[in-house]
């Protein structure tokens, strides 16, 4: 369901990234269907925009994550934003836990 051609008209500043949450794969056990309101928030997403990096001791430290990377992040990380009727998260790079290979 990932769309790497997603256009976001926002450029994050510094070490912030914009993430499009990926929908979790639906698993039905024993015929039980879980309603949307009871499902857990996704913790995996794709970076659709990234800032230039953070400044440390007057020097620019480039980002370790890049547009197109699939990443894991904390359950309650970031701020939810809506762009063109699509849900995104904006967060600092340090809130990203890892890159999915």
PDB file of N, CA and C in Angstrom:
ATOM      1  N   UNK A   1       0.819  -1.190   0.000  1.00  0.00           N
ATOM      2  CA  UNK A   1       0.000   0.000   0.000  1.00  0.00           C
ATOM      3  C   UNK A   1       0.863   1.254   0.000  1.00  0.00           C
ATOM      4  N   UNK A   2       2.150   1.103   0.058  1.00  0.00           N
ATOM      5  CA  UNK A   2       3.079   2.221   0.094  1.00  0.00           C
ATOM      6  C   UNK A   2       3.139   2.920  -1.256  1.00  0.00           C
ATOM      7  N   UNK A   3       3.065   4.246  -1.227  1.00  0.00           N
ATOM      8  CA  UNK A   3       3.130   5.035  -2.450  1.00  0.00           C
ATOM      9  C   UNK A   3       4.337   5.950  -2.349  1.00  0.00           C
ATOM     10  N   UNK A   4       5.432   5.585  -2.975  1.00  0.00           N
ATOM     11  CA  UNK A   4       6.657   6.361  -2.867  1.00  0.00           C
ATOM     12  C   UNK A   4       6.596   7.650  -3.667  1.00  0.00           C
ATOM     13  N   UNK A   5       5.527   7.855  -4.445  1.00  0.00           N
ATOM     14  CA  UNK A   5       5.395   9.074  -5.227  1.00  0.00           C
ATOM     15  C   UNK A   5       4.532  10.106  -4.510  1.00  0.00           C
ATOM     16  N   UNK A   6       4.292   9.929  -3.225  1.00  0.00           N
ATOM     17  CA  UNK A   6       3.486  10.862  -2.457  1.00  0.00           C
ATOM     18  C   UNK A   6       4.154  12.227  -2.451  1.00  0.00           C
ATOM     19  N   UNK A   7       3.394  13.252  -2.803  1.00  0.00           N
ATOM     20  CA  UNK A   7       3.908  14.624  -2.793  1.00  0.00           C
ATOM     21  C   UNK A   7       3.386  15.318  -1.548  1.00  0.00           C
ATOM     22  N   UNK A   8       4.297  15.867  -0.766  1.00  0.00           N
ATOM     23  CA  UNK A   8       3.936  16.622   0.417  1.00  0.00           C
ATOM     24  C   UNK A   8       4.458  18.030   0.217  1.00  0.00           C
ATOM     25  N   UNK A   9       3.583  19.019   0.369  1.00  0.00           N
ATOM     26  CA  UNK A   9       3.964  20.405   0.132  1.00  0.00           C
ATOM     27  C   UNK A   9       4.504  21.078   1.381  1.00  0.00           C
ATOM     28  N   UNK A  10       5.170  20.327   2.231  1.00  0.00           N
ATOM     29  CA  UNK A  10       5.779  20.870   3.449  1.00  0.00           C
ATOM     30  C   UNK A  10       7.216  20.384   3.522  1.00  0.00           C
ATOM     31  N   UNK A  11       8.139  21.296   3.795  1.00  0.00           N
ATOM     32  CA  UNK A  11       9.545  20.944   3.995  1.00  0.00           C
ATOM     33  C   UNK A  11       9.813  21.018   5.492  1.00  0.00           C
ATOM     34  N   UNK A  12      10.046  19.885   6.148  1.00  0.00           N
ATOM     35  CA  UNK A  12      10.338  19.917   7.583  1.00  0.00           C
ATOM     36  C   UNK A  12      11.654  20.649   7.843  1.00  0.00           C
ATOM     37  N   UNK A  13      11.733  21.313   8.964  1.00  0.00           N
ATOM     38  CA  UNK A  13      12.943  22.048   9.334  1.00  0.00           C
ATOM     39  C   UNK A  13      13.851  21.201  10.208  1.00  0.00           C
ATOM     40  N   UNK A  14      15.136  21.504  10.150  1.00  0.00           N
ATOM     41  CA  UNK A  14      16.114  20.858  11.014  1.00  0.00           C
ATOM     42  C   UNK A  14      16.120  19.354  10.882  1.00  0.00           C
ATOM     43  N   UNK A  15      15.984  18.678  12.024  1.00  0.00           N
ATOM     44  CA  UNK A  15      16.056  17.208  12.036  1.00  0.00           C
ATOM     45  C   UNK A  15      14.674  16.570  12.161  1.00  0.00           C
ATOM     46  N   UNK A  16      13.685  17.211  11.561  1.00  0.00           N
ATOM     47  CA  UNK A  16      12.329  16.649  11.586  1.00  0.00           C
ATOM     48  C   UNK A  16      12.028  15.894  10.302  1.00  0.00           C
ATOM     49  N   UNK A  17      11.124  14.912  10.412  1.00  0.00           N
ATOM     50  CA  UNK A  17      10.700  14.115   9.254  1.00  0.00           C
ATOM     51  C   UNK A  17       9.173  14.046   9.230  1.00  0.00           C
ATOM     52  N   UNK A  18       8.624  13.848   8.040  1.00  0.00           N
ATOM     53  CA  UNK A  18       7.196  13.608   7.890  1.00  0.00           C
ATOM     54  C   UNK A  18       7.035  12.157   7.474  1.00  0.00           C
ATOM     55  N   UNK A  19       6.202  11.436   8.212  1.00  0.00           N
ATOM     56  CA  UNK A  19       6.026   9.995   8.006  1.00  0.00           C
ATOM     57  C   UNK A  19       4.578   9.696   7.655  1.00  0.00           C
ATOM     58  N   UNK A  20       4.403   8.873   6.631  1.00  0.00           N
ATOM     59  CA  UNK A  20       3.080   8.351   6.261  1.00  0.00           C
ATOM     60  C   UNK A  20       2.948   6.993   6.950  1.00  0.00           C
ATOM     61  N   UNK A  21       2.088   6.884   7.974  1.00  0.00           N
ATOM     62  CA  UNK A  21       1.931   5.592   8.656  1.00  0.00           C
ATOM     63  C   UNK A  21       1.439   4.520   7.693  1.00  0.00           C
ATOM     64  N   UNK A  22       2.009   3.326   7.804  1.00  0.00           N
ATOM     65  CA  UNK A  22       1.577   2.192   6.995  1.00  0.00           C
ATOM     66  C   UNK A  22       0.480   1.464   7.747  1.00  0.00           C
ATOM     67  N   UNK A  23      -0.523   1.023   7.021  1.00  0.00           N
ATOM     68  CA  UNK A  23      -1.617   0.285   7.634  1.00  0.00           C
ATOM     69  C   UNK A  23      -1.115  -1.084   8.060  1.00  0.00           C
ATOM     70  N   UNK A  24      -1.396  -1.488   9.293  1.00  0.00           N
ATOM     71  CA  UNK A  24      -0.970  -2.827   9.728  1.00  0.00           C
ATOM     72  C   UNK A  24      -1.721  -3.893   8.954  1.00  0.00           C
ATOM     73  N   UNK A  25      -1.064  -5.000   8.753  1.00  0.00           N
ATOM     74  CA  UNK A  25      -1.704  -6.121   8.065  1.00  0.00           C
ATOM     75  C   UNK A  25      -2.789  -6.683   8.977  1.00  0.00           C
ATOM     76  N   UNK A  26      -3.989  -6.821   8.430  1.00  0.00           N
ATOM     77  CA  UNK A  26      -5.119  -7.280   9.223  1.00  0.00           C
ATOM     78  C   UNK A  26      -5.027  -8.782   9.458  1.00  0.00           C
ATOM     79  N   UNK A  27      -5.063  -9.159  10.720  1.00  0.00           N
ATOM     80  CA  UNK A  27      -5.001 -10.569  11.079  1.00  0.00           C
ATOM     81  C   UNK A  27      -6.291 -10.914  11.807  1.00  0.00           C
ATOM     82  N   UNK A  28      -6.978 -11.898  11.297  1.00  0.00           N
ATOM     83  CA  UNK A  28      -8.215 -12.365  11.928  1.00  0.00           C
ATOM     84  C   UNK A  28      -7.932 -13.718  12.548  1.00  0.00           C
ATOM     85  N   UNK A  29      -8.210 -13.827  13.839  1.00  0.00           N
ATOM     86  CA  UNK A  29      -8.023 -15.099  14.530  1.00  0.00           C
ATOM     87  C   UNK A  29      -9.381 -15.608  14.978  1.00  0.00           C
ATOM     88  N   UNK A  30      -9.694 -16.810  14.607  1.00  0.00           N
ATOM     89  CA  UNK A  30     -10.939 -17.424  15.043  1.00  0.00           C
ATOM     90  C   UNK A  30     -12.178 -16.724  14.535  1.00  0.00           C
ATOM     91  N   UNK A  31     -12.065 -16.007  13.415  1.00  0.00           N
ATOM     92  CA  UNK A  31     -13.218 -15.356  12.834  1.00  0.00           C
ATOM     93  C   UNK A  31     -13.625 -14.062  13.516  1.00  0.00           C
ATOM     94  N   UNK A  32     -12.818 -13.571  14.456  1.00  0.00           N
ATOM     95  CA  UNK A  32     -13.145 -12.324  15.159  1.00  0.00           C
ATOM     96  C   UNK A  32     -12.619 -11.155  14.338  1.00  0.00           C
ATOM     97  N   UNK A  33     -13.486 -10.200  14.060  1.00  0.00           N
ATOM     98  CA  UNK A  33     -13.084  -9.002  13.327  1.00  0.00           C
ATOM     99  C   UNK A  33     -12.988  -7.857  14.327  1.00  0.00           C
ATOM    100  N   UNK A  34     -11.830  -7.216  14.357  1.00  0.00           N
ATOM    101  CA  UNK A  34     -11.605  -6.125  15.303  1.00  0.00           C
ATOM    102  C   UNK A  34     -12.050  -4.813  14.654  1.00  0.00           C
ATOM    103  N   UNK A  35     -12.934  -4.035  15.308  1.00  0.00           N
ATOM    104  CA  UNK A  35     -13.380  -2.772  14.722  1.00  0.00           C
ATOM    105  C   UNK A  35     -12.236  -1.753  14.649  1.00  0.00           C
ATOM    106  N   UNK A  36     -12.348  -0.793  13.721  1.00  0.00           N
ATOM    107  CA  UNK A  36     -11.313   0.221  13.516  1.00  0.00           C
ATOM    108  C   UNK A  36     -10.960   0.952  14.813  1.00  0.00           C
ATOM    109  N   UNK A  37     -11.946   1.238  15.651  1.00  0.00           N
ATOM    110  CA  UNK A  37     -11.704   2.002  16.871  1.00  0.00           C
ATOM    111  C   UNK A  37     -10.889   1.233  17.900  1.00  0.00           C
ATOM    112  N   UNK A  38     -10.830  -0.085  17.800  1.00  0.00           N
ATOM    113  CA  UNK A  38     -10.105  -0.896  18.770  1.00  0.00           C
ATOM    114  C   UNK A  38      -8.710  -1.296  18.277  1.00  0.00           C
ATOM    115  N   UNK A  39      -8.399  -0.980  17.027  1.00  0.00           N
ATOM    116  CA  UNK A  39      -7.095  -1.363  16.484  1.00  0.00           C
ATOM    117  C   UNK A  39      -6.000  -0.465  17.046  1.00  0.00           C
ATOM    118  N   UNK A  40      -4.819  -1.044  17.194  1.00  0.00           N
ATOM    119  CA  UNK A  40      -3.685  -0.276  17.693  1.00  0.00           C
ATOM    120  C   UNK A  40      -3.159   0.658  16.615  1.00  0.00           C
ATOM    121  N   UNK A  41      -2.553   1.769  17.072  1.00  0.00           N
ATOM    122  CA  UNK A  41      -1.951   2.707  16.133  1.00  0.00           C
ATOM    123  C   UNK A  41      -0.758   2.034  15.464  1.00  0.00           C
ATOM    124  N   UNK A  42      -0.562   2.295  14.171  1.00  0.00           N
ATOM    125  CA  UNK A  42       0.600   1.700  13.497  1.00  0.00           C
ATOM    126  C   UNK A  42       1.890   2.280  14.042  1.00  0.00           C
ATOM    127  N   UNK A  43       2.944   1.481  14.016  1.00  0.00           N
ATOM    128  CA  UNK A  43       4.246   1.925  14.490  1.00  0.00           C
ATOM    129  C   UNK A  43       5.283   1.812  13.389  1.00  0.00           C
ATOM    130  N   UNK A  44       4.813   1.659  12.155  1.00  0.00           N
ATOM    131  CA  UNK A  44       5.701   1.566  11.008  1.00  0.00           C
ATOM    132  C   UNK A  44       5.178   2.526   9.952  1.00  0.00           C
ATOM    133  N   UNK A  45       6.097   3.199   9.276  1.00  0.00           N
ATOM    134  CA  UNK A  45       5.687   4.142   8.257  1.00  0.00           C
ATOM    135  C   UNK A  45       6.803   4.410   7.272  1.00  0.00           C
ATOM    136  N   UNK A  46       6.485   5.248   6.292  1.00  0.00           N
ATOM    137  CA  UNK A  46       7.450   5.600   5.259  1.00  0.00           C
ATOM    138  C   UNK A  46       7.719   7.098   5.313  1.00  0.00           C
ATOM    139  N   UNK A  47       8.981   7.462   5.250  1.00  0.00           N
ATOM    140  CA  UNK A  47       9.358   8.876   5.273  1.00  0.00           C
ATOM    141  C   UNK A  47       9.039   9.485   3.920  1.00  0.00           C
ATOM    142  N   UNK A  48       8.226  10.559   3.929  1.00  0.00           N
ATOM    143  CA  UNK A  48       7.852  11.226   2.688  1.00  0.00           C
ATOM    144  C   UNK A  48       8.526  12.583   2.543  1.00  0.00           C
ATOM    145  N   UNK A  49       9.111  13.104   3.628  1.00  0.00           N
ATOM    146  CA  UNK A  49       9.867  14.361   3.570  1.00  0.00           C
ATOM    147  C   UNK A  49      10.803  14.403   4.766  1.00  0.00           C
ATOM    148  N   UNK A  50      11.968  15.012   4.578  1.00  0.00           N
ATOM    149  CA  UNK A  50      12.956  15.096   5.657  1.00  0.00           C
ATOM    150  C   UNK A  50      13.660  16.445   5.604  1.00  0.00           C
ATOM    151  N   UNK A  51      14.022  16.957   6.788  1.00  0.00           N
ATOM    152  CA  UNK A  51      14.775  18.198   6.876  1.00  0.00           C
ATOM    153  C   UNK A  51      16.231  17.979   6.475  1.00  0.00           C
ATOM    154  N   UNK A  52      17.022  19.044   6.568  1.00  0.00           N
ATOM    155  CA  UNK A  52      18.431  18.980   6.161  1.00  0.00           C
ATOM    156  C   UNK A  52      19.323  18.341   7.222  1.00  0.00           C
ATOM    157  N   UNK A  53      18.907  18.368   8.474  1.00  0.00           N
ATOM    158  CA  UNK A  53      19.702  17.807   9.563  1.00  0.00           C
ATOM    159  C   UNK A  53      19.772  18.779  10.718  1.00  0.00           C
ATOM    160  N   UNK A  54      20.500  18.389  11.757  1.00  0.00           N
ATOM    161  CA  UNK A  54      20.609  19.255  12.938  1.00  0.00           C
ATOM    162  C   UNK A  54      21.954  19.967  12.935  1.00  0.00           C
ATOM    163  N   UNK A  55      22.013  21.075  13.638  1.00  0.00           N
ATOM    164  CA  UNK A  55      23.255  21.828  13.760  1.00  0.00           C
ATOM    165  C   UNK A  55      23.894  21.495  15.096  1.00  0.00           C
ATOM    166  N   UNK A  56      25.151  21.095  15.054  1.00  0.00           N
ATOM    167  CA  UNK A  56      25.882  20.728  16.257  1.00  0.00           C
ATOM    168  C   UNK A  56      27.249  21.394  16.196  1.00  0.00           C
ATOM    169  N   UNK A  57      27.572  22.209  17.182  1.00  0.00           N
ATOM    170  CA  UNK A  57      28.842  22.942  17.225  1.00  0.00           C
ATOM    171  C   UNK A  57      29.053  23.768  15.960  1.00  0.00           C
ATOM    172  N   UNK A  58      27.958  24.349  15.441  1.00  0.00           N
ATOM    173  CA  UNK A  58      28.039  25.190  14.255  1.00  0.00           C
ATOM    174  C   UNK A  58      28.157  24.442  12.946  1.00  0.00           C
ATOM    175  N   UNK A  59      28.111  23.118  12.980  1.00  0.00           N
ATOM    176  CA  UNK A  59      28.216  22.321  11.756  1.00  0.00           C
ATOM    177  C   UNK A  59      26.925  21.544  11.541  1.00  0.00           C
ATOM    178  N   UNK A  60      26.553  21.377  10.274  1.00  0.00           N
ATOM    179  CA  UNK A  60      25.355  20.630   9.927  1.00  0.00           C
ATOM    180  C   UNK A  60      25.649  19.137   9.959  1.00  0.00           C
ATOM    181  N   UNK A  61      24.869  18.405  10.774  1.00  0.00           N
ATOM    182  CA  UNK A  61      24.971  16.948  10.846  1.00  0.00           C
ATOM    183  C   UNK A  61      23.837  16.401   9.983  1.00  0.00           C
ATOM    184  N   UNK A  62      24.136  15.729   8.858  1.00  0.00           N
ATOM    185  CA  UNK A  62      23.080  15.253   7.959  1.00  0.00           C
ATOM    186  C   UNK A  62      22.209  14.178   8.604  1.00  0.00           C
ATOM    187  N   UNK A  63      21.022  14.023   8.047  1.00  0.00           N
ATOM    188  CA  UNK A  63      20.059  13.045   8.546  1.00  0.00           C
ATOM    189  C   UNK A  63      20.536  11.621   8.244  1.00  0.00           C
ATOM    190  N   UNK A  64      20.212  10.693   9.140  1.00  0.00           N
ATOM    191  CA  UNK A  64      20.519   9.278   8.916  1.00  0.00           C
ATOM    192  C   UNK A  64      19.404   8.596   8.133  1.00  0.00           C
ATOM    193  N   UNK A  65      18.205   9.180   8.153  1.00  0.00           N
ATOM    194  CA  UNK A  65      17.072   8.633   7.414  1.00  0.00           C
ATOM    195  C   UNK A  65      16.814   9.497   6.193  1.00  0.00           C
ATOM    196  N   UNK A  66      16.216   8.884   5.161  1.00  0.00           N
ATOM    197  CA  UNK A  66      15.989   9.586   3.904  1.00  0.00           C
ATOM    198  C   UNK A  66      14.584   9.300   3.400  1.00  0.00           C
ATOM    199  N   UNK A  67      14.114  10.138   2.489  1.00  0.00           N
ATOM    200  CA  UNK A  67      12.806   9.944   1.875  1.00  0.00           C
ATOM    201  C   UNK A  67      12.760   8.559   1.239  1.00  0.00           C
ATOM    202  N   UNK A  68      11.685   7.833   1.492  1.00  0.00           N
ATOM    203  CA  UNK A  68      11.521   6.486   0.954  1.00  0.00           C
ATOM    204  C   UNK A  68      11.867   5.395   1.947  1.00  0.00           C
ATOM    205  N   UNK A  69      12.592   5.725   3.034  1.00  0.00           N
ATOM    206  CA  UNK A  69      12.927   4.728   4.046  1.00  0.00           C
ATOM    207  C   UNK A  69      11.667   4.301   4.800  1.00  0.00           C
ATOM    208  N   UNK A  70      11.552   2.996   5.058  1.00  0.00           N
ATOM    209  CA  UNK A  70      10.491   2.482   5.929  1.00  0.00           C
ATOM    210  C   UNK A  70      11.085   2.421   7.321  1.00  0.00           C
ATOM    211  N   UNK A  71      10.393   3.025   8.278  1.00  0.00           N
ATOM    212  CA  UNK A  71      10.943   3.168   9.621  1.00  0.00           C
ATOM    213  C   UNK A  71       9.965   2.694  10.684  1.00  0.00           C
ATOM    214  N   UNK A  72      10.519   2.410  11.858  1.00  0.00           N
ATOM    215  CA  UNK A  72       9.746   2.099  13.053  1.00  0.00           C
ATOM    216  C   UNK A  72       9.841   3.290  13.989  1.00  0.00           C
ATOM    217  N   UNK A  73       8.750   3.590  14.680  1.00  0.00           N
ATOM    218  CA  UNK A  73       8.743   4.707  15.620  1.00  0.00           C
ATOM    219  C   UNK A  73       7.895   4.332  16.828  1.00  0.00           C
ATOM    220  N   UNK A  74       8.061   5.084  17.899  1.00  0.00           N
ATOM    221  CA  UNK A  74       7.331   4.813  19.130  1.00  0.00           C
ATOM    222  C   UNK A  74       5.834   4.998  18.965  1.00  0.00           C
ATOM    223  N   UNK A  75       5.069   4.264  19.747  1.00  0.00           N
ATOM    224  CA  UNK A  75       3.612   4.255  19.648  1.00  0.00           C
ATOM    225  C   UNK A  75       2.995   5.649  19.769  1.00  0.00           C
ATOM    226  N   UNK A  76       3.538   6.478  20.623  1.00  0.00           N
ATOM    227  CA  UNK A  76       2.963   7.800  20.857  1.00  0.00           C
ATOM    228  C   UNK A  76       3.894   8.920  20.373  1.00  0.00           C
ATOM    229  N   UNK A  77       4.781   8.607  19.438  1.00  0.00           N
ATOM    230  CA  UNK A  77       5.730   9.599  18.925  1.00  0.00           C
ATOM    231  C   UNK A  77       5.066  10.523  17.913  1.00  0.00           C
ATOM    232  N   UNK A  78       5.596  11.724  17.834  1.00  0.00           N
ATOM    233  CA  UNK A  78       5.206  12.654  16.788  1.00  0.00           C
ATOM    234  C   UNK A  78       3.875  13.343  17.003  1.00  0.00           C
ATOM    235  N   UNK A  79       3.597  14.243  16.065  1.00  0.00           N
ATOM    236  CA  UNK A  79       2.363  15.007  16.060  1.00  0.00           C
ATOM    237  C   UNK A  79       1.593  14.663  14.800  1.00  0.00           C
ATOM    238  N   UNK A  80       0.329  14.322  14.948  1.00  0.00           N
ATOM    239  CA  UNK A  80      -0.488  13.969  13.797  1.00  0.00           C
ATOM    240  C   UNK A  80      -0.863  15.236  13.035  1.00  0.00           C
ATOM    241  N   UNK A  81      -0.697  15.199  11.711  1.00  0.00           N
ATOM    242  CA  UNK A  81      -1.093  16.307  10.851  1.00  0.00           C
ATOM    243  C   UNK A  81      -1.884  15.747   9.675  1.00  0.00           C
ATOM    244  N   UNK A  82      -2.672  16.605   9.042  1.00  0.00           N
ATOM    245  CA  UNK A  82      -3.464  16.184   7.886  1.00  0.00           C
ATOM    246  C   UNK A  82      -3.087  17.082   6.718  1.00  0.00           C
ATOM    247  N   UNK A  83      -2.664  16.459   5.599  1.00  0.00           N
ATOM    248  CA  UNK A  83      -2.299  17.187   4.391  1.00  0.00           C
ATOM    249  C   UNK A  83      -3.078  16.562   3.239  1.00  0.00           C
ATOM    250  N   UNK A  84      -3.858  17.367   2.522  1.00  0.00           N
ATOM    251  CA  UNK A  84      -4.662  16.876   1.397  1.00  0.00           C
ATOM    252  C   UNK A  84      -5.494  15.651   1.788  1.00  0.00           C
ATOM    253  N   UNK A  85      -6.148  15.709   2.942  1.00  0.00           N
ATOM    254  CA  UNK A  85      -6.998  14.631   3.455  1.00  0.00           C
ATOM    255  C   UNK A  85      -6.251  13.337   3.737  1.00  0.00           C
ATOM    256  N   UNK A  86      -4.933  13.387   3.872  1.00  0.00           N
ATOM    257  CA  UNK A  86      -4.120  12.219   4.228  1.00  0.00           C
ATOM    258  C   UNK A  86      -3.521  12.460   5.621  1.00  0.00           C
ATOM    259  N   UNK A  87      -3.448  11.400   6.420  1.00  0.00           N
ATOM    260  CA  UNK A  87      -2.880  11.490   7.771  1.00  0.00           C
ATOM    261  C   UNK A  87      -1.370  11.264   7.724  1.00  0.00           C
ATOM    262  N   UNK A  88      -0.609  12.114   8.405  1.00  0.00           N
ATOM    263  CA  UNK A  88       0.840  12.001   8.493  1.00  0.00           C
ATOM    264  C   UNK A  88       1.255  12.260   9.933  1.00  0.00           C
ATOM    265  N   UNK A  89       2.505  11.922  10.220  1.00  0.00           N
ATOM    266  CA  UNK A  89       3.118  12.258  11.502  1.00  0.00           C
ATOM    267  C   UNK A  89       4.340  13.110  11.220  1.00  0.00           C
ATOM    268  N   UNK A  90       4.567  14.118  12.048  1.00  0.00           N
ATOM    269  CA  UNK A  90       5.804  14.882  11.967  1.00  0.00           C
ATOM    270  C   UNK A  90       6.519  14.700  13.297  1.00  0.00           C
ATOM    271  N   UNK A  91       7.802  14.338  13.224  1.00  0.00           N
ATOM    272  CA  UNK A  91       8.562  14.069  14.447  1.00  0.00           C
ATOM    273  C   UNK A  91      10.036  14.333  14.225  1.00  0.00           C
ATOM    274  N   UNK A  92      10.765  14.412  15.314  1.00  0.00           N
ATOM    275  CA  UNK A  92      12.220  14.568  15.226  1.00  0.00           C
ATOM    276  C   UNK A  92      12.840  13.233  14.832  1.00  0.00           C
ATOM    277  N   UNK A  93      13.986  13.320  14.194  1.00  0.00           N
ATOM    278  CA  UNK A  93      14.687  12.107  13.765  1.00  0.00           C
ATOM    279  C   UNK A  93      14.999  11.193  14.959  1.00  0.00           C
ATOM    280  N   UNK A  94      15.251  11.764  16.119  1.00  0.00           N
ATOM    281  CA  UNK A  94      15.596  10.951  17.289  1.00  0.00           C
ATOM    282  C   UNK A  94      14.429  10.090  17.769  1.00  0.00           C
ATOM    283  N   UNK A  95      13.192  10.417  17.342  1.00  0.00           N
ATOM    284  CA  UNK A  95      12.026   9.602  17.696  1.00  0.00           C
ATOM    285  C   UNK A  95      11.882   8.372  16.801  1.00  0.00           C
ATOM    286  N   UNK A  96      12.641   8.327  15.707  1.00  0.00           N
ATOM    287  CA  UNK A  96      12.633   7.167  14.829  1.00  0.00           C
ATOM    288  C   UNK A  96      13.516   6.099  15.475  1.00  0.00           C
ATOM    289  N   UNK A  97      12.964   4.905  15.652  1.00  0.00           N
ATOM    290  CA  UNK A  97      13.682   3.838  16.352  1.00  0.00           C
ATOM    291  C   UNK A  97      14.604   3.034  15.446  1.00  0.00           C
ATOM    292  N   UNK A  98      14.244   2.911  14.181  1.00  0.00           N
ATOM    293  CA  UNK A  98      15.080   2.124  13.275  1.00  0.00           C
ATOM    294  C   UNK A  98      14.536   2.137  11.861  1.00  0.00           C
ATOM    295  N   UNK A  99      15.380   1.704  10.929  1.00  0.00           N
ATOM    296  CA  UNK A  99      15.018   1.596   9.518  1.00  0.00           C
ATOM    297  C   UNK A  99      14.753   0.127   9.210  1.00  0.00           C
ATOM    298  N   UNK A 100      13.613  -0.156   8.568  1.00  0.00           N
ATOM    299  CA  UNK A 100      13.258  -1.521   8.198  1.00  0.00           C
ATOM    300  C   UNK A 100      13.948  -1.839   6.879  1.00  0.00           C
ATOM    301  N   UNK A 101      14.749  -2.903   6.855  1.00  0.00           N
ATOM    302  CA  UNK A 101      15.490  -3.288   5.648  1.00  0.00           C
ATOM    303  C   UNK A 101      14.742  -4.355   4.888  1.00  0.00           C
TER     304      UNK A 101
END
